[in-house]
Amino acid sequence: MADKTEKTEAPEKDALKVGDYIKAKKFGPLEHSFTGEITKVYDNSVLVEIRDYNPADKTAVGDMNNRAVVRKSTAKLTSAPKA
């Protein structure tokens, strides 16, 4: 018999790891979506180093030191940019 107190999480939530690239929706001072590399994983969010963004968001990205905290539920896994 399974213990009913066990917590199960969505598989995509556990799929995010350091080094993965994600696409995230606009939020806060950002006016457009952006792409970045995960640098740290938290329980419900990830710290992302913003790598690709709309030029109109250059000032906002600079103010945020090229980093953003993104909810795991809204992060979309993507492939690394081609060099």
PDB file of N, CA and C in Angstrom:
ATOM      1  N   MET A   1       0.846  -1.177   0.000  1.00  0.00           N
ATOM      2  CA  MET A   1       0.000   0.000   0.000  1.00  0.00           C
ATOM      3  C   MET A   1       0.891   1.241   0.000  1.00  0.00           C
ATOM      4  N   ALA A   2       0.600   2.170  -0.865  1.00  0.00           N
ATOM      5  CA  ALA A   2       1.406   3.387  -0.985  1.00  0.00           C
ATOM      6  C   ALA A   2       1.070   4.359   0.141  1.00  0.00           C
ATOM      7  N   ASP A   3       2.086   5.046   0.604  1.00  0.00           N
ATOM      8  CA  ASP A   3       1.903   6.060   1.642  1.00  0.00           C
ATOM      9  C   ASP A   3       1.273   7.295   0.999  1.00  0.00           C
ATOM     10  N   LYS A   4       0.126   7.721   1.490  1.00  0.00           N
ATOM     11  CA  LYS A   4      -0.599   8.843   0.891  1.00  0.00           C
ATOM     12  C   LYS A   4       0.065  10.185   1.159  1.00  0.00           C
ATOM     13  N   THR A   5       1.058  10.219   2.025  1.00  0.00           N
ATOM     14  CA  THR A   5       1.734  11.478   2.319  1.00  0.00           C
ATOM     15  C   THR A   5       2.885  11.738   1.360  1.00  0.00           C
ATOM     16  N   GLU A   6       3.185  10.773   0.486  1.00  0.00           N
ATOM     17  CA  GLU A   6       4.272  10.971  -0.469  1.00  0.00           C
ATOM     18  C   GLU A   6       3.911  12.085  -1.441  1.00  0.00           C
ATOM     19  N   LYS A   7       4.896  12.882  -1.748  1.00  0.00           N
ATOM     20  CA  LYS A   7       4.687  14.012  -2.648  1.00  0.00           C
ATOM     21  C   LYS A   7       5.199  13.624  -4.031  1.00  0.00           C
ATOM     22  N   THR A   8       4.372  13.788  -5.037  1.00  0.00           N
ATOM     23  CA  THR A   8       4.805  13.514  -6.403  1.00  0.00           C
ATOM     24  C   THR A   8       4.852  14.827  -7.165  1.00  0.00           C
ATOM     25  N   GLU A   9       5.875  14.969  -7.978  1.00  0.00           N
ATOM     26  CA  GLU A   9       6.046  16.199  -8.745  1.00  0.00           C
ATOM     27  C   GLU A   9       5.942  15.891 -10.229  1.00  0.00           C
ATOM     28  N   ALA A  10       5.614  16.891 -10.991  1.00  0.00           N
ATOM     29  CA  ALA A  10       5.526  16.740 -12.437  1.00  0.00           C
ATOM     30  C   ALA A  10       6.908  16.425 -12.989  1.00  0.00           C
ATOM     31  N   PRO A  11       7.013  15.519 -13.959  1.00  0.00           N
ATOM     32  CA  PRO A  11       8.320  15.140 -14.495  1.00  0.00           C
ATOM     33  C   PRO A  11       9.100  16.312 -15.078  1.00  0.00           C
ATOM     34  N   GLU A  12       8.407  17.252 -15.746  1.00  0.00           N
ATOM     35  CA  GLU A  12       9.123  18.375 -16.356  1.00  0.00           C
ATOM     36  C   GLU A  12       9.756  19.284 -15.307  1.00  0.00           C
ATOM     37  N   LYS A  13       9.215  19.283 -14.104  1.00  0.00           N
ATOM     38  CA  LYS A  13       9.767  20.108 -13.029  1.00  0.00           C
ATOM     39  C   LYS A  13      11.158  19.605 -12.639  1.00  0.00           C
ATOM     40  N   ASP A  14      11.317  18.277 -12.620  1.00  0.00           N
ATOM     41  CA  ASP A  14      12.596  17.682 -12.255  1.00  0.00           C
ATOM     42  C   ASP A  14      13.572  17.672 -13.429  1.00  0.00           C
ATOM     43  N   ALA A  15      13.075  17.880 -14.640  1.00  0.00           N
ATOM     44  CA  ALA A  15      13.911  17.798 -15.826  1.00  0.00           C
ATOM     45  C   ALA A  15      14.864  18.984 -15.949  1.00  0.00           C
ATOM     46  N   LEU A  16      14.583  20.094 -15.300  1.00  0.00           N
ATOM     47  CA  LEU A  16      15.434  21.277 -15.404  1.00  0.00           C
ATOM     48  C   LEU A  16      16.666  21.111 -14.532  1.00  0.00           C
ATOM     49  N   LYS A  17      17.839  21.346 -15.140  1.00  0.00           N
ATOM     50  CA  LYS A  17      19.085  21.217 -14.386  1.00  0.00           C
ATOM     51  C   LYS A  17      20.080  22.284 -14.835  1.00  0.00           C
ATOM     52  N   VAL A  18      21.111  22.480 -14.046  1.00  0.00           N
ATOM     53  CA  VAL A  18      22.142  23.475 -14.352  1.00  0.00           C
ATOM     54  C   VAL A  18      22.745  23.171 -15.725  1.00  0.00           C
ATOM     55  N   GLY A  19      22.862  24.202 -16.542  1.00  0.00           N
ATOM     56  CA  GLY A  19      23.420  24.058 -17.880  1.00  0.00           C
ATOM     57  C   GLY A  19      22.369  23.978 -18.974  1.00  0.00           C
ATOM     58  N   ASP A  20      21.119  23.685 -18.608  1.00  0.00           N
ATOM     59  CA  ASP A  20      20.035  23.645 -19.590  1.00  0.00           C
ATOM     60  C   ASP A  20      19.698  25.060 -20.046  1.00  0.00           C
ATOM     61  N   TYR A  21      19.196  25.162 -21.260  1.00  0.00           N
ATOM     62  CA  TYR A  21      18.727  26.447 -21.782  1.00  0.00           C
ATOM     63  C   TYR A  21      17.207  26.458 -21.759  1.00  0.00           C
ATOM     64  N   ILE A  22      16.649  27.592 -21.351  1.00  0.00           N
ATOM     65  CA  ILE A  22      15.196  27.729 -21.307  1.00  0.00           C
ATOM     66  C   ILE A  22      14.762  29.007 -22.007  1.00  0.00           C
ATOM     67  N   LYS A  23      13.510  29.007 -22.417  1.00  0.00           N
ATOM     68  CA  LYS A  23      12.874  30.220 -22.934  1.00  0.00           C
ATOM     69  C   LYS A  23      11.878  30.647 -21.872  1.00  0.00           C
ATOM     70  N   ALA A  24      11.879  31.919 -21.539  1.00  0.00           N
ATOM     71  CA  ALA A  24      10.993  32.434 -20.495  1.00  0.00           C
ATOM     72  C   ALA A  24      10.181  33.606 -21.029  1.00  0.00           C
ATOM     73  N   LYS A  25       8.985  33.752 -20.483  1.00  0.00           N
ATOM     74  CA  LYS A  25       8.103  34.851 -20.879  1.00  0.00           C
ATOM     75  C   LYS A  25       8.557  36.154 -20.243  1.00  0.00           C
ATOM     76  N   LYS A  26       8.119  37.243 -20.845  1.00  0.00           N
ATOM     77  CA  LYS A  26       8.425  38.575 -20.310  1.00  0.00           C
ATOM     78  C   LYS A  26       7.838  38.723 -18.910  1.00  0.00           C
ATOM     79  N   PHE A  27       8.496  39.514 -18.090  1.00  0.00           N
ATOM     80  CA  PHE A  27       7.978  39.828 -16.756  1.00  0.00           C
ATOM     81  C   PHE A  27       8.712  41.052 -16.240  1.00  0.00           C
ATOM     82  N   GLY A  28       8.168  41.678 -15.228  1.00  0.00           N
ATOM     83  CA  GLY A  28       8.807  42.839 -14.608  1.00  0.00           C
ATOM     84  C   GLY A  28       9.184  43.889 -15.633  1.00  0.00           C
ATOM     85  N   PRO A  29      10.452  44.330 -15.624  1.00  0.00           N
ATOM     86  CA  PRO A  29      10.875  45.392 -16.535  1.00  0.00           C
ATOM     87  C   PRO A  29      11.087  44.923 -17.976  1.00  0.00           C
ATOM     88  N   LEU A  30      11.078  43.608 -18.205  1.00  0.00           N
ATOM     89  CA  LEU A  30      11.300  43.084 -19.553  1.00  0.00           C
ATOM     90  C   LEU A  30      10.020  43.164 -20.372  1.00  0.00           C
ATOM     91  N   GLU A  31      10.147  43.642 -21.607  1.00  0.00           N
ATOM     92  CA  GLU A  31       8.989  43.785 -22.485  1.00  0.00           C
ATOM     93  C   GLU A  31       8.843  42.624 -23.457  1.00  0.00           C
ATOM     94  N   HIS A  32       9.857  41.753 -23.532  1.00  0.00           N
ATOM     95  CA  HIS A  32       9.845  40.642 -24.478  1.00  0.00           C
ATOM     96  C   HIS A  32      10.351  39.369 -23.792  1.00  0.00           C
ATOM     97  N   SER A  33      10.055  38.224 -24.403  1.00  0.00           N
ATOM     98  CA  SER A  33      10.556  36.948 -23.902  1.00  0.00           C
ATOM     99  C   SER A  33      12.070  36.891 -24.093  1.00  0.00           C
ATOM    100  N   PHE A  34      12.713  35.973 -23.379  1.00  0.00           N
ATOM    101  CA  PHE A  34      14.166  35.844 -23.476  1.00  0.00           C
ATOM    102  C   PHE A  34      14.579  34.387 -23.331  1.00  0.00           C
ATOM    103  N   THR A  35      15.831  34.110 -23.672  1.00  0.00           N
ATOM    104  CA  THR A  35      16.405  32.776 -23.544  1.00  0.00           C
ATOM    105  C   THR A  35      17.638  32.877 -22.669  1.00  0.00           C
ATOM    106  N   GLY A  36      17.867  31.845 -21.862  1.00  0.00           N
ATOM    107  CA  GLY A  36      19.032  31.875 -20.993  1.00  0.00           C
ATOM    108  C   GLY A  36      19.435  30.499 -20.508  1.00  0.00           C
ATOM    109  N   GLU A  37      20.572  30.459 -19.822  1.00  0.00           N
ATOM    110  CA  GLU A  37      21.131  29.215 -19.292  1.00  0.00           C
ATOM    111  C   GLU A  37      20.884  29.140 -17.792  1.00  0.00           C
ATOM    112  N   ILE A  38      20.416  27.996 -17.327  1.00  0.00           N
ATOM    113  CA  ILE A  38      20.166  27.799 -15.900  1.00  0.00           C
ATOM    114  C   ILE A  38      21.499  27.723 -15.163  1.00  0.00           C
ATOM    115  N   THR A  39      21.651  28.556 -14.129  1.00  0.00           N
ATOM    116  CA  THR A  39      22.879  28.542 -13.331  1.00  0.00           C
ATOM    117  C   THR A  39      22.655  27.994 -11.930  1.00  0.00           C
ATOM    118  N   LYS A  40      21.402  27.980 -11.469  1.00  0.00           N
ATOM    119  CA  LYS A  40      21.084  27.425 -10.155  1.00  0.00           C
ATOM    120  C   LYS A  40      19.632  26.971 -10.158  1.00  0.00           C
ATOM    121  N   VAL A  41      19.378  25.842  -9.488  1.00  0.00           N
ATOM    122  CA  VAL A  41      18.026  25.288  -9.417  1.00  0.00           C
ATOM    123  C   VAL A  41      17.528  25.378  -7.980  1.00  0.00           C
ATOM    124  N   TYR A  42      16.358  25.965  -7.812  1.00  0.00           N
ATOM    125  CA  TYR A  42      15.697  26.051  -6.509  1.00  0.00           C
ATOM    126  C   TYR A  42      14.507  25.089  -6.506  1.00  0.00           C
ATOM    127  N   ASP A  43      13.745  25.050  -5.411  1.00  0.00           N
ATOM    128  CA  ASP A  43      12.598  24.145  -5.314  1.00  0.00           C
ATOM    129  C   ASP A  43      11.559  24.397  -6.402  1.00  0.00           C
ATOM    130  N   ASN A  44      11.154  25.643  -6.581  1.00  0.00           N
ATOM    131  CA  ASN A  44      10.089  25.969  -7.529  1.00  0.00           C
ATOM    132  C   ASN A  44      10.512  26.929  -8.630  1.00  0.00           C
ATOM    133  N   SER A  45      11.788  27.274  -8.679  1.00  0.00           N
ATOM    134  CA  SER A  45      12.260  28.239  -9.670  1.00  0.00           C
ATOM    135  C   SER A  45      13.704  27.938 -10.050  1.00  0.00           C
ATOM    136  N   VAL A  46      14.189  28.664 -11.045  1.00  0.00           N
ATOM    137  CA  VAL A  46      15.576  28.530 -11.490  1.00  0.00           C
ATOM    138  C   VAL A  46      16.178  29.916 -11.689  1.00  0.00           C
ATOM    139  N   LEU A  47      17.470  30.034 -11.425  1.00  0.00           N
ATOM    140  CA  LEU A  47      18.204  31.264 -11.704  1.00  0.00           C
ATOM    141  C   LEU A  47      18.779  31.119 -13.105  1.00  0.00           C
ATOM    142  N   VAL A  48      18.507  32.100 -13.954  1.00  0.00           N
ATOM    143  CA  VAL A  48      18.887  32.028 -15.359  1.00  0.00           C
ATOM    144  C   VAL A  48      19.825  33.171 -15.704  1.00  0.00           C
ATOM    145  N   GLU A  49      20.904  32.848 -16.404  1.00  0.00           N
ATOM    146  CA  GLU A  49      21.760  33.885 -16.972  1.00  0.00           C
ATOM    147  C   GLU A  49      21.198  34.179 -18.360  1.00  0.00           C
ATOM    148  N   ILE A  50      20.717  35.393 -18.547  1.00  0.00           N
ATOM    149  CA  ILE A  50      20.058  35.769 -19.801  1.00  0.00           C
ATOM    150  C   ILE A  50      21.105  35.853 -20.909  1.00  0.00           C
ATOM    151  N   ARG A  51      20.893  35.076 -21.978  1.00  0.00           N
ATOM    152  CA  ARG A  51      21.847  35.016 -23.085  1.00  0.00           C
ATOM    153  C   ARG A  51      21.327  35.676 -24.357  1.00  0.00           C
ATOM    154  N   ASP A  52      20.044  35.515 -24.639  1.00  0.00           N
ATOM    155  CA  ASP A  52      19.471  36.043 -25.877  1.00  0.00           C
ATOM    156  C   ASP A  52      18.197  36.806 -25.538  1.00  0.00           C
ATOM    157  N   TYR A  53      18.153  38.071 -25.929  1.00  0.00           N
ATOM    158  CA  TYR A  53      17.007  38.916 -25.592  1.00  0.00           C
ATOM    159  C   TYR A  53      16.805  39.966 -26.674  1.00  0.00           C
ATOM    160  N   ASN A  54      15.659  40.586 -26.663  1.00  0.00           N
ATOM    161  CA  ASN A  54      15.330  41.628 -27.625  1.00  0.00           C
ATOM    162  C   ASN A  54      16.164  42.875 -27.309  1.00  0.00           C
ATOM    163  N   PRO A  55      16.743  43.514 -28.321  1.00  0.00           N
ATOM    164  CA  PRO A  55      17.550  44.720 -28.080  1.00  0.00           C
ATOM    165  C   PRO A  55      16.811  45.818 -27.312  1.00  0.00           C
ATOM    166  N   ALA A  56      15.492  45.862 -27.408  1.00  0.00           N
ATOM    167  CA  ALA A  56      14.717  46.871 -26.680  1.00  0.00           C
ATOM    168  C   ALA A  56      14.810  46.667 -25.168  1.00  0.00           C
ATOM    169  N   ASP A  57      15.172  45.458 -24.739  1.00  0.00           N
ATOM    170  CA  ASP A  57      15.281  45.144 -23.311  1.00  0.00           C
ATOM    171  C   ASP A  57      16.712  45.284 -22.781  1.00  0.00           C
ATOM    172  N   LYS A  58      17.612  45.846 -23.572  1.00  0.00           N
ATOM    173  CA  LYS A  58      19.024  45.919 -23.181  1.00  0.00           C
ATOM    174  C   LYS A  58      19.218  46.601 -21.829  1.00  0.00           C
ATOM    175  N   THR A  59      18.570  47.715 -21.594  1.00  0.00           N
ATOM    176  CA  THR A  59      18.717  48.441 -20.330  1.00  0.00           C
ATOM    177  C   THR A  59      18.190  47.618 -19.165  1.00  0.00           C
ATOM    178  N   ALA A  60      17.020  47.014 -19.335  1.00  0.00           N
ATOM    179  CA  ALA A  60      16.422  46.203 -18.262  1.00  0.00           C
ATOM    180  C   ALA A  60      17.293  44.997 -17.937  1.00  0.00           C
ATOM    181  N   VAL A  61      17.819  44.333 -18.966  1.00  0.00           N
ATOM    182  CA  VAL A  61      18.691  43.172 -18.744  1.00  0.00           C
ATOM    183  C   VAL A  61      19.956  43.613 -18.015  1.00  0.00           C
ATOM    184  N   GLY A  62      20.515  44.740 -18.385  1.00  0.00           N
ATOM    185  CA  GLY A  62      21.691  45.271 -17.696  1.00  0.00           C
ATOM    186  C   GLY A  62      21.406  45.595 -16.244  1.00  0.00           C
ATOM    187  N   ASP A  63      20.254  46.196 -15.983  1.00  0.00           N
ATOM    188  CA  ASP A  63      19.861  46.509 -14.603  1.00  0.00           C
ATOM    189  C   ASP A  63      19.713  45.250 -13.760  1.00  0.00           C
ATOM    190  N   MET A  64      19.341  44.144 -14.410  1.00  0.00           N
ATOM    191  CA  MET A  64      19.157  42.871 -13.706  1.00  0.00           C
ATOM    192  C   MET A  64      20.450  42.047 -13.682  1.00  0.00           C
ATOM    193  N   ASN A  65      21.565  42.650 -14.117  1.00  0.00           N
ATOM    194  CA  ASN A  65      22.868  41.967 -14.172  1.00  0.00           C
ATOM    195  C   ASN A  65      22.816  40.682 -14.996  1.00  0.00           C
ATOM    196  N   ASN A  66      22.065  40.704 -16.074  1.00  0.00           N
ATOM    197  CA  ASN A  66      21.914  39.568 -16.993  1.00  0.00           C
ATOM    198  C   ASN A  66      21.397  38.310 -16.305  1.00  0.00           C
ATOM    199  N   ARG A  67      20.654  38.462 -15.221  1.00  0.00           N
ATOM    200  CA  ARG A  67      20.116  37.311 -14.491  1.00  0.00           C
ATOM    201  C   ARG A  67      18.638  37.516 -14.206  1.00  0.00           C
ATOM    202  N   ALA A  68      17.930  36.392 -14.096  1.00  0.00           N
ATOM    203  CA  ALA A  68      16.509  36.437 -13.741  1.00  0.00           C
ATOM    204  C   ALA A  68      16.137  35.145 -13.026  1.00  0.00           C
ATOM    205  N   VAL A  69      15.204  35.239 -12.100  1.00  0.00           N
ATOM    206  CA  VAL A  69      14.652  34.055 -11.447  1.00  0.00           C
ATOM    207  C   VAL A  69      13.327  33.753 -12.138  1.00  0.00           C
ATOM    208  N   VAL A  70      13.207  32.521 -12.632  1.00  0.00           N
ATOM    209  CA  VAL A  70      12.043  32.117 -13.422  1.00  0.00           C
ATOM    210  C   VAL A  70      11.357  30.928 -12.754  1.00  0.00           C
ATOM    211  N   ARG A  71      10.032  30.964 -12.680  1.00  0.00           N
ATOM    212  CA  ARG A  71       9.275  29.829 -12.143  1.00  0.00           C
ATOM    213  C   ARG A  71       9.469  28.605 -13.030  1.00  0.00           C
ATOM    214  N   LYS A  72       9.657  27.452 -12.420  1.00  0.00           N
ATOM    215  CA  LYS A  72       9.798  26.218 -13.191  1.00  0.00           C
ATOM    216  C   LYS A  72       8.559  25.945 -14.030  1.00  0.00           C
ATOM    217  N   SER A  73       7.404  26.297 -13.506  1.00  0.00           N
ATOM    218  CA  SER A  73       6.153  26.017 -14.216  1.00  0.00           C
ATOM    219  C   SER A  73       6.006  26.817 -15.508  1.00  0.00           C
ATOM    220  N   THR A  74       6.731  27.929 -15.633  1.00  0.00           N
ATOM    221  CA  THR A  74       6.624  28.747 -16.846  1.00  0.00           C
ATOM    222  C   THR A  74       7.834  28.603 -17.764  1.00  0.00           C
ATOM    223  N   ALA A  75       8.903  27.960 -17.302  1.00  0.00           N
ATOM    224  CA  ALA A  75      10.121  27.798 -18.101  1.00  0.00           C
ATOM    225  C   ALA A  75       9.912  26.720 -19.161  1.00  0.00           C
ATOM    226  N   LYS A  76      10.326  27.007 -20.376  1.00  0.00           N
ATOM    227  CA  LYS A  76      10.228  26.054 -21.481  1.00  0.00           C
ATOM    228  C   LYS A  76      11.636  25.635 -21.889  1.00  0.00           C
ATOM    229  N   LEU A  77      11.928  24.351 -21.763  1.00  0.00           N
ATOM    230  CA  LEU A  77      13.237  23.815 -22.112  1.00  0.00           C
ATOM    231  C   LEU A  77      13.481  24.001 -23.602  1.00  0.00           C
ATOM    232  N   THR A  78      14.681  24.451 -23.967  1.00  0.00           N
ATOM    233  CA  THR A  78      15.028  24.680 -25.364  1.00  0.00           C
ATOM    234  C   THR A  78      16.459  24.206 -25.589  1.00  0.00           C
ATOM    235  N   SER A  79      16.900  24.205 -26.820  1.00  0.00           N
ATOM    236  CA  SER A  79      18.264  23.777 -27.118  1.00  0.00           C
ATOM    237  C   SER A  79      19.225  24.952 -26.976  1.00  0.00           C
ATOM    238  N   ALA A  80      20.491  24.626 -26.786  1.00  0.00           N
ATOM    239  CA  ALA A  80      21.522  25.656 -26.654  1.00  0.00           C
ATOM    240  C   ALA A  80      21.667  26.389 -27.984  1.00  0.00           C
ATOM    241  N   PRO A  81      21.977  27.678 -27.938  1.00  0.00           N
ATOM    242  CA  PRO A  81      22.159  28.427 -29.189  1.00  0.00           C
ATOM    243  C   PRO A  81      23.368  27.909 -29.955  1.00  0.00           C
ATOM    244  N   LYS A  82      23.281  27.976 -31.263  1.00  0.00           N
ATOM    245  CA  LYS A  82      24.399  27.530 -32.102  1.00  0.00           C
ATOM    246  C   LYS A  82      25.503  28.573 -32.078  1.00  0.00           C
ATOM    247  N   ALA A  83      26.727  28.107 -31.926  1.00  0.00           N
ATOM    248  CA  ALA A  83      27.880  29.019 -31.833  1.00  0.00           C
ATOM    249  C   ALA A  83      28.298  29.538 -33.174  1.00  0.00           C
TER     250      ALA A  83
END
